Amino acid sequence: MSVDRSSWQPGVRVVVRRRLAEGGFSDVLGDVVESTDAHVVVRTRRGDVTVPAGEIALGKRVPPAPMPRPRRDR
């Protein structure tokens, strides 16, 4: 199954479900840094994640992250 990544330009927020070598899946959520025919690089909260095209099971654009809530003083 091929995922249409043509609209995945840098700055677009996406979620990518990738196949893991040991079996199963893992989700990568964040902003696209780079998207080529060979891979996509997603900037997550933990850093940049490169997902090879062959590991992408599903993927789609998602809305921007919600604004952080203000801290409440107790």
PDB file of N, CA and C in Angstrom:
ATOM      1  N   MET A   1       0.854  -1.186   0.000  1.00  0.00           N
ATOM      2  CA  MET A   1       0.000   0.000   0.000  1.00  0.00           C
ATOM      3  C   MET A   1       0.892   1.239   0.000  1.00  0.00           C
ATOM      4  N   SER A   2       0.580   2.164  -0.853  1.00  0.00           N
ATOM      5  CA  SER A   2       1.362   3.384  -0.961  1.00  0.00           C
ATOM      6  C   SER A   2       0.604   4.552  -0.336  1.00  0.00           C
ATOM      7  N   VAL A   3       1.315   5.374   0.409  1.00  0.00           N
ATOM      8  CA  VAL A   3       0.727   6.548   1.050  1.00  0.00           C
ATOM      9  C   VAL A   3       1.043   7.761   0.190  1.00  0.00           C
ATOM     10  N   ASP A   4       0.037   8.563  -0.115  1.00  0.00           N
ATOM     11  CA  ASP A   4       0.242   9.780  -0.909  1.00  0.00           C
ATOM     12  C   ASP A   4       0.856  10.854  -0.017  1.00  0.00           C
ATOM     13  N   ARG A   5       2.143  11.125  -0.230  1.00  0.00           N
ATOM     14  CA  ARG A   5       2.856  12.114   0.575  1.00  0.00           C
ATOM     15  C   ARG A   5       3.074  13.413  -0.185  1.00  0.00           C
ATOM     16  N   SER A   6       2.364  13.604  -1.292  1.00  0.00           N
ATOM     17  CA  SER A   6       2.582  14.783  -2.136  1.00  0.00           C
ATOM     18  C   SER A   6       2.269  16.094  -1.412  1.00  0.00           C
ATOM     19  N   SER A   7       1.383  16.083  -0.426  1.00  0.00           N
ATOM     20  CA  SER A   7       1.033  17.318   0.292  1.00  0.00           C
ATOM     21  C   SER A   7       1.855  17.501   1.561  1.00  0.00           C
ATOM     22  N   TRP A   8       2.812  16.624   1.802  1.00  0.00           N
ATOM     23  CA  TRP A   8       3.632  16.693   3.012  1.00  0.00           C
ATOM     24  C   TRP A   8       4.815  17.608   2.784  1.00  0.00           C
ATOM     25  N   GLN A   9       4.578  18.894   2.831  1.00  0.00           N
ATOM     26  CA  GLN A   9       5.630  19.893   2.686  1.00  0.00           C
ATOM     27  C   GLN A   9       6.206  20.212   4.059  1.00  0.00           C
ATOM     28  N   PRO A  10       7.429  20.750   4.125  1.00  0.00           N
ATOM     29  CA  PRO A  10       7.991  21.122   5.420  1.00  0.00           C
ATOM     30  C   PRO A  10       7.045  22.040   6.208  1.00  0.00           C
ATOM     31  N   GLY A  11       6.901  21.732   7.499  1.00  0.00           N
ATOM     32  CA  GLY A  11       6.027  22.511   8.369  1.00  0.00           C
ATOM     33  C   GLY A  11       4.655  21.909   8.563  1.00  0.00           C
ATOM     34  N   VAL A  12       4.251  20.977   7.705  1.00  0.00           N
ATOM     35  CA  VAL A  12       2.940  20.330   7.817  1.00  0.00           C
ATOM     36  C   VAL A  12       2.991  19.306   8.948  1.00  0.00           C
ATOM     37  N   ARG A  13       1.968  19.268   9.783  1.00  0.00           N
ATOM     38  CA  ARG A  13       1.906  18.310  10.896  1.00  0.00           C
ATOM     39  C   ARG A  13       1.282  17.014  10.395  1.00  0.00           C
ATOM     40  N   VAL A  14       1.942  15.893  10.684  1.00  0.00           N
ATOM     41  CA  VAL A  14       1.485  14.585  10.212  1.00  0.00           C
ATOM     42  C   VAL A  14       1.598  13.552  11.326  1.00  0.00           C
ATOM     43  N   VAL A  15       0.894  12.450  11.122  1.00  0.00           N
ATOM     44  CA  VAL A  15       1.104  11.250  11.919  1.00  0.00           C
ATOM     45  C   VAL A  15       1.436  10.142  10.924  1.00  0.00           C
ATOM     46  N   VAL A  16       2.506   9.403  11.222  1.00  0.00           N
ATOM     47  CA  VAL A  16       2.970   8.331  10.350  1.00  0.00           C
ATOM     48  C   VAL A  16       2.978   7.040  11.160  1.00  0.00           C
ATOM     49  N   ARG A  17       2.298   6.016  10.653  1.00  0.00           N
ATOM     50  CA  ARG A  17       2.354   4.691  11.281  1.00  0.00           C
ATOM     51  C   ARG A  17       3.401   3.892  10.527  1.00  0.00           C
ATOM     52  N   ARG A  18       4.455   3.491  11.254  1.00  0.00           N
ATOM     53  CA  ARG A  18       5.558   2.775  10.620  1.00  0.00           C
ATOM     54  C   ARG A  18       5.590   1.328  11.080  1.00  0.00           C
ATOM     55  N   ARG A  19       6.017   0.441  10.158  1.00  0.00           N
ATOM     56  CA  ARG A  19       6.195  -0.970  10.487  1.00  0.00           C
ATOM     57  C   ARG A  19       7.532  -1.128  11.211  1.00  0.00           C
ATOM     58  N   LEU A  20       7.541  -1.868  12.294  1.00  0.00           N
ATOM     59  CA  LEU A  20       8.771  -2.131  13.037  1.00  0.00           C
ATOM     60  C   LEU A  20       9.383  -3.443  12.558  1.00  0.00           C
ATOM     61  N   ALA A  21      10.711  -3.516  12.524  1.00  0.00           N
ATOM     62  CA  ALA A  21      11.409  -4.710  12.048  1.00  0.00           C
ATOM     63  C   ALA A  21      11.063  -5.941  12.890  1.00  0.00           C
ATOM     64  N   GLU A  22      10.868  -5.748  14.195  1.00  0.00           N
ATOM     65  CA  GLU A  22      10.555  -6.870  15.079  1.00  0.00           C
ATOM     66  C   GLU A  22       9.073  -7.238  15.065  1.00  0.00           C
ATOM     67  N   GLY A  23       8.299  -6.567  14.231  1.00  0.00           N
ATOM     68  CA  GLY A  23       6.863  -6.801  14.137  1.00  0.00           C
ATOM     69  C   GLY A  23       6.102  -5.711  14.861  1.00  0.00           C
ATOM     70  N   GLY A  24       4.899  -5.468  14.447  1.00  0.00           N
ATOM     71  CA  GLY A  24       4.084  -4.424  15.054  1.00  0.00           C
ATOM     72  C   GLY A  24       4.290  -3.082  14.374  1.00  0.00           C
ATOM     73  N   PHE A  25       3.748  -2.071  15.007  1.00  0.00           N
ATOM     74  CA  PHE A  25       3.768  -0.724  14.446  1.00  0.00           C
ATOM     75  C   PHE A  25       4.123   0.299  15.521  1.00  0.00           C
ATOM     76  N   SER A  26       4.534   1.485  15.072  1.00  0.00           N
ATOM     77  CA  SER A  26       4.813   2.609  15.957  1.00  0.00           C
ATOM     78  C   SER A  26       4.363   3.880  15.249  1.00  0.00           C
ATOM     79  N   ASP A  27       3.813   4.820  15.997  1.00  0.00           N
ATOM     80  CA  ASP A  27       3.368   6.082  15.409  1.00  0.00           C
ATOM     81  C   ASP A  27       4.393   7.175  15.639  1.00  0.00           C
ATOM     82  N   VAL A  28       4.563   8.022  14.626  1.00  0.00           N
ATOM     83  CA  VAL A  28       5.440   9.184  14.698  1.00  0.00           C
ATOM     84  C   VAL A  28       4.562  10.405  14.432  1.00  0.00           C
ATOM     85  N   LEU A  29       4.496  11.341  15.385  1.00  0.00           N
ATOM     86  CA  LEU A  29       3.647  12.520  15.279  1.00  0.00           C
ATOM     87  C   LEU A  29       4.502  13.769  15.369  1.00  0.00           C
ATOM     88  N   GLY A  30       4.346  14.665  14.391  1.00  0.00           N
ATOM     89  CA  GLY A  30       5.091  15.915  14.442  1.00  0.00           C
ATOM     90  C   GLY A  30       5.047  16.649  13.121  1.00  0.00           C
ATOM     91  N   ASP A  31       5.969  17.599  12.956  1.00  0.00           N
ATOM     92  CA  ASP A  31       6.030  18.443  11.764  1.00  0.00           C
ATOM     93  C   ASP A  31       7.042  17.891  10.771  1.00  0.00           C
ATOM     94  N   VAL A  32       6.665  17.888   9.505  1.00  0.00           N
ATOM     95  CA  VAL A  32       7.556  17.416   8.448  1.00  0.00           C
ATOM     96  C   VAL A  32       8.735  18.378   8.312  1.00  0.00           C
ATOM     97  N   VAL A  33       9.930  17.814   8.302  1.00  0.00           N
ATOM     98  CA  VAL A  33      11.149  18.570   8.061  1.00  0.00           C
ATOM     99  C   VAL A  33      11.563  18.371   6.598  1.00  0.00           C
ATOM    100  N   GLU A  34      11.422  17.125   6.117  1.00  0.00           N
ATOM    101  CA  GLU A  34      11.811  16.782   4.755  1.00  0.00           C
ATOM    102  C   GLU A  34      10.980  15.590   4.301  1.00  0.00           C
ATOM    103  N   SER A  35      10.564  15.609   3.036  1.00  0.00           N
ATOM    104  CA  SER A  35       9.830  14.494   2.465  1.00  0.00           C
ATOM    105  C   SER A  35      10.359  14.232   1.059  1.00  0.00           C
ATOM    106  N   THR A  36      10.907  13.023   0.859  1.00  0.00           N
ATOM    107  CA  THR A  36      11.423  12.624  -0.448  1.00  0.00           C
ATOM    108  C   THR A  36      10.773  11.302  -0.831  1.00  0.00           C
ATOM    109  N   ASP A  37      11.111  10.803  -2.011  1.00  0.00           N
ATOM    110  CA  ASP A  37      10.603   9.490  -2.421  1.00  0.00           C
ATOM    111  C   ASP A  37      11.148   8.387  -1.524  1.00  0.00           C
ATOM    112  N   ALA A  38      12.320   8.599  -0.927  1.00  0.00           N
ATOM    113  CA  ALA A  38      12.990   7.572  -0.145  1.00  0.00           C
ATOM    114  C   ALA A  38      12.612   7.572   1.335  1.00  0.00           C
ATOM    115  N   HIS A  39      12.235   8.735   1.880  1.00  0.00           N
ATOM    116  CA  HIS A  39      11.966   8.826   3.315  1.00  0.00           C
ATOM    117  C   HIS A  39      11.218  10.108   3.655  1.00  0.00           C
ATOM    118  N   VAL A  40      10.789  10.171   4.909  1.00  0.00           N
ATOM    119  CA  VAL A  40      10.225  11.404   5.460  1.00  0.00           C
ATOM    120  C   VAL A  40      10.901  11.637   6.812  1.00  0.00           C
ATOM    121  N   VAL A  41      11.236  12.895   7.090  1.00  0.00           N
ATOM    122  CA  VAL A  41      11.817  13.266   8.382  1.00  0.00           C
ATOM    123  C   VAL A  41      10.768  14.075   9.120  1.00  0.00           C
ATOM    124  N   VAL A  42      10.420  13.622  10.334  1.00  0.00           N
ATOM    125  CA  VAL A  42       9.385  14.262  11.143  1.00  0.00           C
ATOM    126  C   VAL A  42      10.031  14.775  12.428  1.00  0.00           C
ATOM    127  N   ARG A  43       9.802  16.036  12.761  1.00  0.00           N
ATOM    128  CA  ARG A  43      10.308  16.620  13.999  1.00  0.00           C
ATOM    129  C   ARG A  43       9.275  16.386  15.088  1.00  0.00           C
ATOM    130  N   THR A  44       9.596  15.503  16.029  1.00  0.00           N
ATOM    131  CA  THR A  44       8.709  15.181  17.151  1.00  0.00           C
ATOM    132  C   THR A  44       9.173  15.950  18.384  1.00  0.00           C
ATOM    133  N   ARG A  45       8.467  15.782  19.492  1.00  0.00           N
ATOM    134  CA  ARG A  45       8.888  16.419  20.747  1.00  0.00           C
ATOM    135  C   ARG A  45      10.236  15.905  21.216  1.00  0.00           C
ATOM    136  N   ARG A  46      10.589  14.705  20.803  1.00  0.00           N
ATOM    137  CA  ARG A  46      11.850  14.085  21.242  1.00  0.00           C
ATOM    138  C   ARG A  46      12.979  14.244  20.241  1.00  0.00           C
ATOM    139  N   GLY A  47      12.713  14.897  19.119  1.00  0.00           N
ATOM    140  CA  GLY A  47      13.756  15.078  18.110  1.00  0.00           C
ATOM    141  C   GLY A  47      13.302  14.622  16.736  1.00  0.00           C
ATOM    142  N   ASP A  48      14.197  14.698  15.772  1.00  0.00           N
ATOM    143  CA  ASP A  48      13.877  14.327  14.400  1.00  0.00           C
ATOM    144  C   ASP A  48      13.901  12.814  14.233  1.00  0.00           C
ATOM    145  N   VAL A  49      12.894  12.291  13.520  1.00  0.00           N
ATOM    146  CA  VAL A  49      12.788  10.861  13.247  1.00  0.00           C
ATOM    147  C   VAL A  49      12.724  10.687  11.734  1.00  0.00           C
ATOM    148  N   THR A  50      13.637   9.879  11.191  1.00  0.00           N
ATOM    149  CA  THR A  50      13.635   9.564   9.770  1.00  0.00           C
ATOM    150  C   THR A  50      12.922   8.237   9.574  1.00  0.00           C
ATOM    151  N   VAL A  51      11.878   8.242   8.732  1.00  0.00           N
ATOM    152  CA  VAL A  51      11.115   7.034   8.451  1.00  0.00           C
ATOM    153  C   VAL A  51      11.315   6.687   6.975  1.00  0.00           C
ATOM    154  N   PRO A  52      11.992   5.560   6.690  1.00  0.00           N
ATOM    155  CA  PRO A  52      12.148   5.143   5.301  1.00  0.00           C
ATOM    156  C   PRO A  52      10.783   4.859   4.664  1.00  0.00           C
ATOM    157  N   ALA A  53      10.650   5.147   3.380  1.00  0.00           N
ATOM    158  CA  ALA A  53       9.372   4.983   2.673  1.00  0.00           C
ATOM    159  C   ALA A  53       8.836   3.556   2.799  1.00  0.00           C
ATOM    160  N   GLY A  54       9.711   2.578   2.801  1.00  0.00           N
ATOM    161  CA  GLY A  54       9.284   1.185   2.891  1.00  0.00           C
ATOM    162  C   GLY A  54       8.675   0.805   4.232  1.00  0.00           C
ATOM    163  N   GLU A  55       8.903   1.597   5.259  1.00  0.00           N
ATOM    164  CA  GLU A  55       8.348   1.323   6.587  1.00  0.00           C
ATOM    165  C   GLU A  55       7.015   2.021   6.827  1.00  0.00           C
ATOM    166  N   ILE A  56       6.606   2.924   5.938  1.00  0.00           N
ATOM    167  CA  ILE A  56       5.371   3.686   6.139  1.00  0.00           C
ATOM    168  C   ILE A  56       4.164   2.825   5.779  1.00  0.00           C
ATOM    169  N   ALA A  57       3.355   2.503   6.796  1.00  0.00           N
ATOM    170  CA  ALA A  57       2.134   1.727   6.580  1.00  0.00           C
ATOM    171  C   ALA A  57       0.956   2.648   6.290  1.00  0.00           C
ATOM    172  N   LEU A  58       0.846   3.728   7.051  1.00  0.00           N
ATOM    173  CA  LEU A  58      -0.215   4.721   6.903  1.00  0.00           C
ATOM    174  C   LEU A  58       0.357   6.084   7.248  1.00  0.00           C
ATOM    175  N   GLY A  59      -0.302   7.112   6.795  1.00  0.00           N
ATOM    176  CA  GLY A  59       0.103   8.457   7.158  1.00  0.00           C
ATOM    177  C   GLY A  59      -0.939   9.463   6.721  1.00  0.00           C
ATOM    178  N   LYS A  60      -1.064  10.534   7.495  1.00  0.00           N
ATOM    179  CA  LYS A  60      -2.014  11.580   7.110  1.00  0.00           C
ATOM    180  C   LYS A  60      -1.642  12.888   7.778  1.00  0.00           C
ATOM    181  N   ARG A  61      -2.147  13.963   7.195  1.00  0.00           N
ATOM    182  CA  ARG A  61      -2.004  15.288   7.806  1.00  0.00           C
ATOM    183  C   ARG A  61      -2.941  15.361   8.997  1.00  0.00           C
ATOM    184  N   VAL A  62      -2.520  16.094  10.025  1.00  0.00           N
ATOM    185  CA  VAL A  62      -3.350  16.278  11.215  1.00  0.00           C
ATOM    186  C   VAL A  62      -3.364  17.760  11.567  1.00  0.00           C
ATOM    187  N   PRO A  63      -4.342  18.205  12.368  1.00  0.00           N
ATOM    188  CA  PRO A  63      -4.410  19.621  12.751  1.00  0.00           C
ATOM    189  C   PRO A  63      -3.199  20.036  13.584  1.00  0.00           C
ATOM    190  N   PRO A  64      -2.930  21.331  13.647  1.00  0.00           N
ATOM    191  CA  PRO A  64      -1.823  21.819  14.478  1.00  0.00           C
ATOM    192  C   PRO A  64      -2.000  21.405  15.934  1.00  0.00           C
ATOM    193  N   ALA A  65      -0.894  21.338  16.644  1.00  0.00           N
ATOM    194  CA  ALA A  65      -0.934  20.986  18.068  1.00  0.00           C
ATOM    195  C   ALA A  65      -1.705  22.052  18.840  1.00  0.00           C
ATOM    196  N   PRO A  66      -2.444  21.656  19.876  1.00  0.00           N
ATOM    197  CA  PRO A  66      -3.159  22.658  20.676  1.00  0.00           C
ATOM    198  C   PRO A  66      -2.170  23.541  21.428  1.00  0.00           C
ATOM    199  N   MET A  67      -2.613  24.743  21.730  1.00  0.00           N
ATOM    200  CA  MET A  67      -1.791  25.674  22.496  1.00  0.00           C
ATOM    201  C   MET A  67      -1.643  25.133  23.910  1.00  0.00           C
ATOM    202  N   PRO A  68      -0.476  25.317  24.541  1.00  0.00           N
ATOM    203  CA  PRO A  68      -0.318  24.858  25.918  1.00  0.00           C
ATOM    204  C   PRO A  68      -1.251  25.606  26.853  1.00  0.00           C
ATOM    205  N   ARG A  69      -1.736  24.898  27.841  1.00  0.00           N
ATOM    206  CA  ARG A  69      -2.608  25.526  28.828  1.00  0.00           C
ATOM    207  C   ARG A  69      -1.782  26.377  29.780  1.00  0.00           C
ATOM    208  N   PRO A  70      -2.341  27.492  30.233  1.00  0.00           N
ATOM    209  CA  PRO A  70      -1.603  28.303  31.209  1.00  0.00           C
ATOM    210  C   PRO A  70      -1.487  27.545  32.527  1.00  0.00           C
ATOM    211  N   ARG A  71      -0.392  27.787  33.232  1.00  0.00           N
ATOM    212  CA  ARG A  71      -0.180  27.155  34.528  1.00  0.00           C
ATOM    213  C   ARG A  71      -1.129  27.751  35.551  1.00  0.00           C
ATOM    214  N   ARG A  72      -1.632  26.900  36.384  1.00  0.00           N
ATOM    215  CA  ARG A  72      -2.485  27.353  37.489  1.00  0.00           C
ATOM    216  C   ARG A  72      -1.668  27.372  38.758  1.00  0.00           C
ATOM    217  N   ASP A  73      -1.670  28.487  39.439  1.00  0.00           N
ATOM    218  CA  ASP A  73      -0.991  28.566  40.740  1.00  0.00           C
ATOM    219  C   ASP A  73      -1.929  28.038  41.802  1.00  0.00           C
ATOM    220  N   ARG A  74      -1.380  27.288  42.702  1.00  0.00           N
ATOM    221  CA  ARG A  74      -2.215  26.710  43.771  1.00  0.00           C
ATOM    222  C   ARG A  74      -2.051  27.465  45.038  1.00  0.00           C
TER     223      ARG A  74
END
